[in-house]
Amino acid sequence: MDFKKITSANYSKKPRKSSLIKFIIIHYTGMQSKRASIERLLSKKYKVSCHFLIDRKGEIFEMVETFKVAWHAGKSKWGSYVNLNQHSIGIELENKGHKHGYQSYSKAQISKLIKLCKILKKKFKIKSSYILGHSDIAPLRKIDPGEKFPWYKLAKKGIVIKTPKIKNIKIKSKASIRKMFFSNLHKIGYRYFNKKKNLKTDIFVIKAFQRRYLQRSISGKIDPKTLYLSHLIAHARKN
């Protein structure tokens, strides 16, 4: 697969073993233009980078080689993993983001992303359940790649796990709803919440889940659809 190389100096100098790479994390650039995005990812001042950037025309830029640790995930958690830079490959998609006029992703962009993910999955033996959005691993501070990102297209190509069809489950009491929902999220891999105690930040975690799996219903509330879906995903076979 052809990449255009634009090398960023923002990476950890110590190389990593390929066996440490477990995740692919998908981001949007959140900048007003491709040029601004590349400038930010190259800037020593901001100390951020990614392994790959895909522009809206579908051109792929390699900015940090995969055996190096790029600085894209930041403070993050998933399952037993903390601060995922060391264990992940970061892919940025050119998109203005919510602050500058959030766009639908282009067909060329998603097509190239799927091809790239297939190559990386095979090379590093990455599980479908370990291909995540930035908001999945950092729900208190990130919302990208956002509700317009077409996870279903990646699912159709076997890149990520398909979202199960929603079926009813029995709810014993209203008091059990929160406990059941966050227990499900914990099984899936989400963090930044307390299963037993209400937190003001719970809404961000709920929205992160909805932004991924219920993109038309980002309410921040644990409604029946949200609860049912969390249950099905938590108990689905992982691969």
Protein backbone atom coordinates (compact mmCIF):
# COMPACT_ATOMS: atom_id res chain seq x y z
CA MET A 1 0.00 0.00 0.00
CA ASP A 2 1.42 3.39 -0.97
CA PHE A 3 1.97 6.07 1.68
CA LYS A 4 3.23 9.59 1.36
CA LYS A 5 5.85 10.16 4.08
CA ILE A 6 5.78 13.32 6.17
CA THR A 7 7.89 12.55 9.20
CA SER A 8 6.92 13.97 12.58
CA ALA A 9 9.55 14.29 15.32
CA ASN A 10 6.88 13.78 17.98
CA TYR A 11 7.41 10.20 19.09
CA SER A 12 9.18 8.27 21.83
CA LYS A 13 12.75 7.57 20.82
CA LYS A 14 12.82 4.05 22.22
CA PRO A 15 11.38 1.63 19.62
CA ARG A 16 8.78 -0.95 20.67
CA LYS A 17 8.36 -4.62 19.89
CA SER A 18 5.56 -5.44 17.46
CA SER A 19 4.06 -7.76 20.09
CA LEU A 20 3.19 -4.69 22.18
CA ILE A 21 0.86 -3.34 19.50
CA LYS A 22 -2.68 -4.38 20.45
CA PHE A 23 -4.94 -1.50 19.34
CA ILE A 24 -5.84 0.77 16.45
CA ILE A 25 -7.21 4.12 17.63
CA ILE A 26 -9.21 6.26 15.21
CA HIS A 27 -9.28 10.05 15.56
CA TYR A 28 -10.39 13.08 13.63
CA THR A 29 -8.03 16.02 13.21
CA GLY A 30 -10.50 18.64 14.45
CA MET A 31 -8.74 21.40 12.51
CA GLN A 32 -9.99 23.79 9.83
CA SER A 33 -7.80 22.35 7.07
CA LYS A 34 -5.43 19.54 6.15
CA ARG A 35 -2.55 22.00 6.17
CA ALA A 36 -3.34 23.13 9.71
CA SER A 37 -3.66 19.52 10.82
CA ILE A 38 -0.28 18.53 9.40
CA GLU A 39 1.36 21.60 10.92
CA ARG A 40 -0.03 20.66 14.34
CA LEU A 41 1.11 17.04 14.02
CA LEU A 42 4.61 18.17 13.06
CA SER A 43 4.93 20.92 15.66
CA LYS A 44 7.37 20.31 18.50
CA LYS A 45 5.39 22.87 20.51
CA TYR A 46 2.20 20.81 20.70
CA LYS A 47 3.90 17.40 21.08
CA VAL A 48 1.19 15.42 19.29
CA SER A 49 1.44 13.06 16.36
CA CYS A 50 -0.06 9.98 14.75
CA HIS A 51 1.15 7.07 12.69
CA PHE A 52 -1.12 7.76 9.73
CA LEU A 53 -3.21 10.66 8.47
CA ILE A 54 -5.87 10.09 5.80
CA ASP A 55 -7.10 13.17 3.97
CA ARG A 56 -10.55 13.63 2.43
CA LYS A 57 -9.31 12.51 -0.99
CA GLY A 58 -8.14 9.22 0.50
CA GLU A 59 -4.42 9.94 0.39
CA ILE A 60 -2.51 8.35 3.27
CA PHE A 61 0.39 10.10 4.96
CA GLU A 62 2.74 8.12 7.21
CA MET A 63 3.96 10.44 9.94
CA VAL A 64 5.46 8.02 12.46
CA GLU A 65 6.63 4.48 11.69
CA THR A 66 4.60 1.77 13.42
CA PHE A 67 7.51 0.43 15.48
CA LYS A 68 7.75 3.84 17.14
CA VAL A 69 5.37 5.19 19.80
CA ALA A 70 3.39 8.15 18.43
CA TRP A 71 1.72 10.63 20.80
CA HIS A 72 -1.94 10.41 19.87
CA ALA A 73 -3.90 8.70 22.65
CA GLY A 74 -2.85 10.74 25.67
CA LYS A 75 -4.36 9.91 29.04
CA SER A 76 -6.49 6.87 28.27
CA LYS A 77 -7.74 3.50 29.50
CA TRP A 78 -9.25 0.38 28.01
CA GLY A 79 -9.66 -2.81 29.99
CA SER A 80 -6.36 -3.44 31.80
CA TYR A 81 -4.43 -1.04 29.55
CA VAL A 82 -3.54 2.47 30.70
CA ASN A 83 -2.14 5.31 28.53
CA LEU A 84 -2.48 3.47 25.25
CA ASN A 85 0.23 5.15 23.17
CA GLN A 86 2.64 2.32 23.90
CA HIS A 87 0.15 -0.30 22.71
CA SER A 88 -1.57 1.35 19.76
CA ILE A 89 -1.41 2.67 16.23
CA GLY A 90 -3.04 6.07 15.82
CA ILE A 91 -4.92 6.99 12.63
CA GLU A 92 -6.11 10.57 12.09
CA LEU A 93 -8.87 11.34 9.60
CA GLU A 94 -9.05 14.83 8.15
CA ASN A 95 -12.26 16.34 9.49
CA LYS A 96 -13.00 19.81 10.87
CA GLY A 97 -14.60 18.28 13.94
CA HIS A 98 -17.37 19.57 16.16
CA LYS A 99 -15.72 22.93 16.85
CA HIS A 100 -15.17 23.94 13.23
CA GLY A 101 -18.07 22.37 11.29
CA TYR A 102 -18.23 18.60 11.74
CA GLN A 103 -18.34 16.80 8.39
CA SER A 104 -19.43 13.41 7.13
CA TYR A 105 -16.41 11.32 6.24
CA SER A 106 -15.72 10.94 2.53
CA LYS A 107 -16.10 7.61 0.72
CA ALA A 108 -12.46 7.73 -0.41
CA GLN A 109 -11.33 8.33 3.16
CA ILE A 110 -13.25 5.40 4.63
CA SER A 111 -12.28 3.11 1.75
CA LYS A 112 -8.58 3.76 2.40
CA LEU A 113 -9.08 3.44 6.15
CA ILE A 114 -10.61 -0.01 5.69
CA LYS A 115 -7.71 -1.12 3.49
CA LEU A 116 -5.17 0.22 5.96
CA CYS A 117 -6.90 -1.40 8.94
CA LYS A 118 -6.97 -4.77 7.16
CA ILE A 119 -3.21 -4.60 6.62
CA LEU A 120 -2.49 -3.52 10.21
CA LYS A 121 -4.88 -6.11 11.69
CA LYS A 122 -3.18 -8.92 9.84
CA LYS A 123 0.37 -7.71 10.47
CA PHE A 124 -0.03 -7.14 14.21
CA LYS A 125 -2.82 -9.68 14.91
CA ILE A 126 -5.13 -7.00 16.29
CA LYS A 127 -8.54 -8.08 17.58
CA SER A 128 -11.66 -6.58 16.05
CA SER A 129 -12.73 -5.49 19.54
CA TYR A 130 -9.48 -3.54 19.92
CA ILE A 131 -10.16 -1.14 17.07
CA LEU A 132 -11.55 1.87 18.90
CA GLY A 133 -12.35 5.55 18.69
CA HIS A 134 -10.50 8.16 20.74
CA SER A 135 -13.72 8.78 22.67
CA ASP A 136 -13.86 5.11 23.69
CA ILE A 137 -10.53 5.26 25.49
CA ALA A 138 -10.75 8.86 26.75
CA PRO A 139 -14.49 9.60 27.18
CA LEU A 140 -14.07 12.42 29.69
CA ARG A 141 -12.12 14.63 27.30
CA LYS A 142 -12.59 13.40 23.71
CA ILE A 143 -15.57 12.95 21.34
CA ASP A 144 -13.81 11.93 18.14
CA PRO A 145 -14.21 10.38 15.63
CA GLY A 146 -17.81 11.29 16.51
CA GLU A 147 -21.34 10.21 15.65
CA LYS A 148 -20.84 10.59 11.88
CA PHE A 149 -18.08 8.01 11.77
CA PRO A 150 -19.47 4.95 9.89
CA TRP A 151 -18.54 2.08 12.18
CA TYR A 152 -21.11 -0.07 10.36
CA LYS A 153 -19.04 0.11 7.16
CA LEU A 154 -16.01 -1.20 9.02
CA ALA A 155 -18.18 -3.94 10.54
CA LYS A 156 -19.40 -5.04 7.10
CA LYS A 157 -15.78 -5.56 6.05
CA GLY A 158 -14.93 -7.50 9.20
CA ILE A 159 -12.76 -4.74 10.65
CA VAL A 160 -14.80 -4.28 13.84
CA ILE A 161 -17.48 -6.31 15.57
CA LYS A 162 -21.01 -5.86 14.23
CA THR A 163 -23.49 -4.09 16.47
CA PRO A 164 -26.06 -6.68 17.65
CA LYS A 165 -29.77 -6.21 17.01
CA ILE A 166 -31.51 -4.92 20.09
CA LYS A 167 -33.64 -7.37 22.08
CA ASN A 168 -35.38 -6.80 25.39
CA ILE A 169 -33.90 -7.88 28.69
CA LYS A 170 -35.64 -7.87 32.03
CA ILE A 171 -35.03 -4.91 34.31
CA LYS A 172 -35.67 -5.83 37.95
CA SER A 173 -35.78 -2.28 39.26
CA LYS A 174 -34.80 1.26 38.36
CA ALA A 175 -32.06 1.08 40.96
CA SER A 176 -30.44 -1.78 39.07
CA ILE A 177 -30.29 0.03 35.72
CA ARG A 178 -27.13 2.03 36.39
CA LYS A 179 -25.36 -0.90 38.02
CA MET A 180 -26.26 -3.21 35.12
CA PHE A 181 -25.22 -0.68 32.46
CA PHE A 182 -21.83 0.15 33.93
CA SER A 183 -21.12 -3.51 34.70
CA ASN A 184 -21.70 -4.17 30.99
CA LEU A 185 -19.42 -1.29 29.99
CA HIS A 186 -16.71 -2.58 32.29
CA LYS A 187 -16.89 -5.98 30.57
CA ILE A 188 -16.65 -4.34 27.17
CA GLY A 189 -13.54 -2.38 28.20
CA TYR A 190 -14.73 1.14 29.04
CA ARG A 191 -13.29 2.84 32.11
CA TYR A 192 -13.49 6.23 33.91
CA PHE A 193 -16.52 5.41 36.07
CA ASN A 194 -17.37 3.75 39.36
CA LYS A 195 -19.72 0.78 39.02
CA LYS A 196 -21.23 1.39 42.45
CA LYS A 197 -21.22 5.16 42.78
CA ASN A 198 -22.79 7.95 40.71
CA LEU A 199 -20.32 10.45 39.32
CA LYS A 200 -20.93 13.80 37.59
CA THR A 201 -18.80 12.55 34.70
CA ASP A 202 -21.01 9.50 34.04
CA ILE A 203 -22.79 11.41 31.27
CA PHE A 204 -19.59 11.59 29.22
CA VAL A 205 -19.06 7.84 29.40
CA ILE A 206 -22.70 7.16 28.47
CA LYS A 207 -22.42 9.53 25.51
CA ALA A 208 -19.17 7.88 24.39
CA PHE A 209 -20.95 4.53 24.25
CA GLN A 210 -23.93 6.04 22.42
CA ARG A 211 -21.67 7.93 20.02
CA ARG A 212 -20.24 4.57 18.99
CA TYR A 213 -23.30 2.32 19.06
CA LEU A 214 -26.42 4.55 19.05
CA GLN A 215 -25.34 7.45 16.89
CA ARG A 216 -28.84 8.91 16.49
CA SER A 217 -29.58 8.87 20.22
CA ILE A 218 -26.77 10.62 22.08
CA SER A 219 -28.73 11.67 25.14
CA GLY A 220 -26.32 10.83 27.94
CA LYS A 221 -29.17 8.90 29.58
CA ILE A 222 -29.37 5.15 30.16
CA ASP A 223 -32.57 4.55 28.24
CA PRO A 224 -33.81 1.00 27.43
CA LYS A 225 -32.08 0.86 24.02
CA THR A 226 -28.76 1.92 25.54
CA LEU A 227 -29.05 -0.61 28.34
CA TYR A 228 -30.12 -3.49 26.08
CA LEU A 229 -27.35 -2.83 23.62
CA SER A 230 -24.69 -2.64 26.33
CA HIS A 231 -25.88 -6.02 27.59
CA LEU A 232 -25.72 -7.65 24.16
CA ILE A 233 -22.28 -6.28 23.36
CA ALA A 234 -20.88 -7.21 26.78
CA HIS A 235 -22.07 -10.79 26.40
CA ALA A 236 -21.22 -11.21 22.74
CA ARG A 237 -18.29 -13.37 21.75
CA LYS A 238 -15.15 -11.24 21.54
CA ASN A 239 -12.59 -11.64 18.72
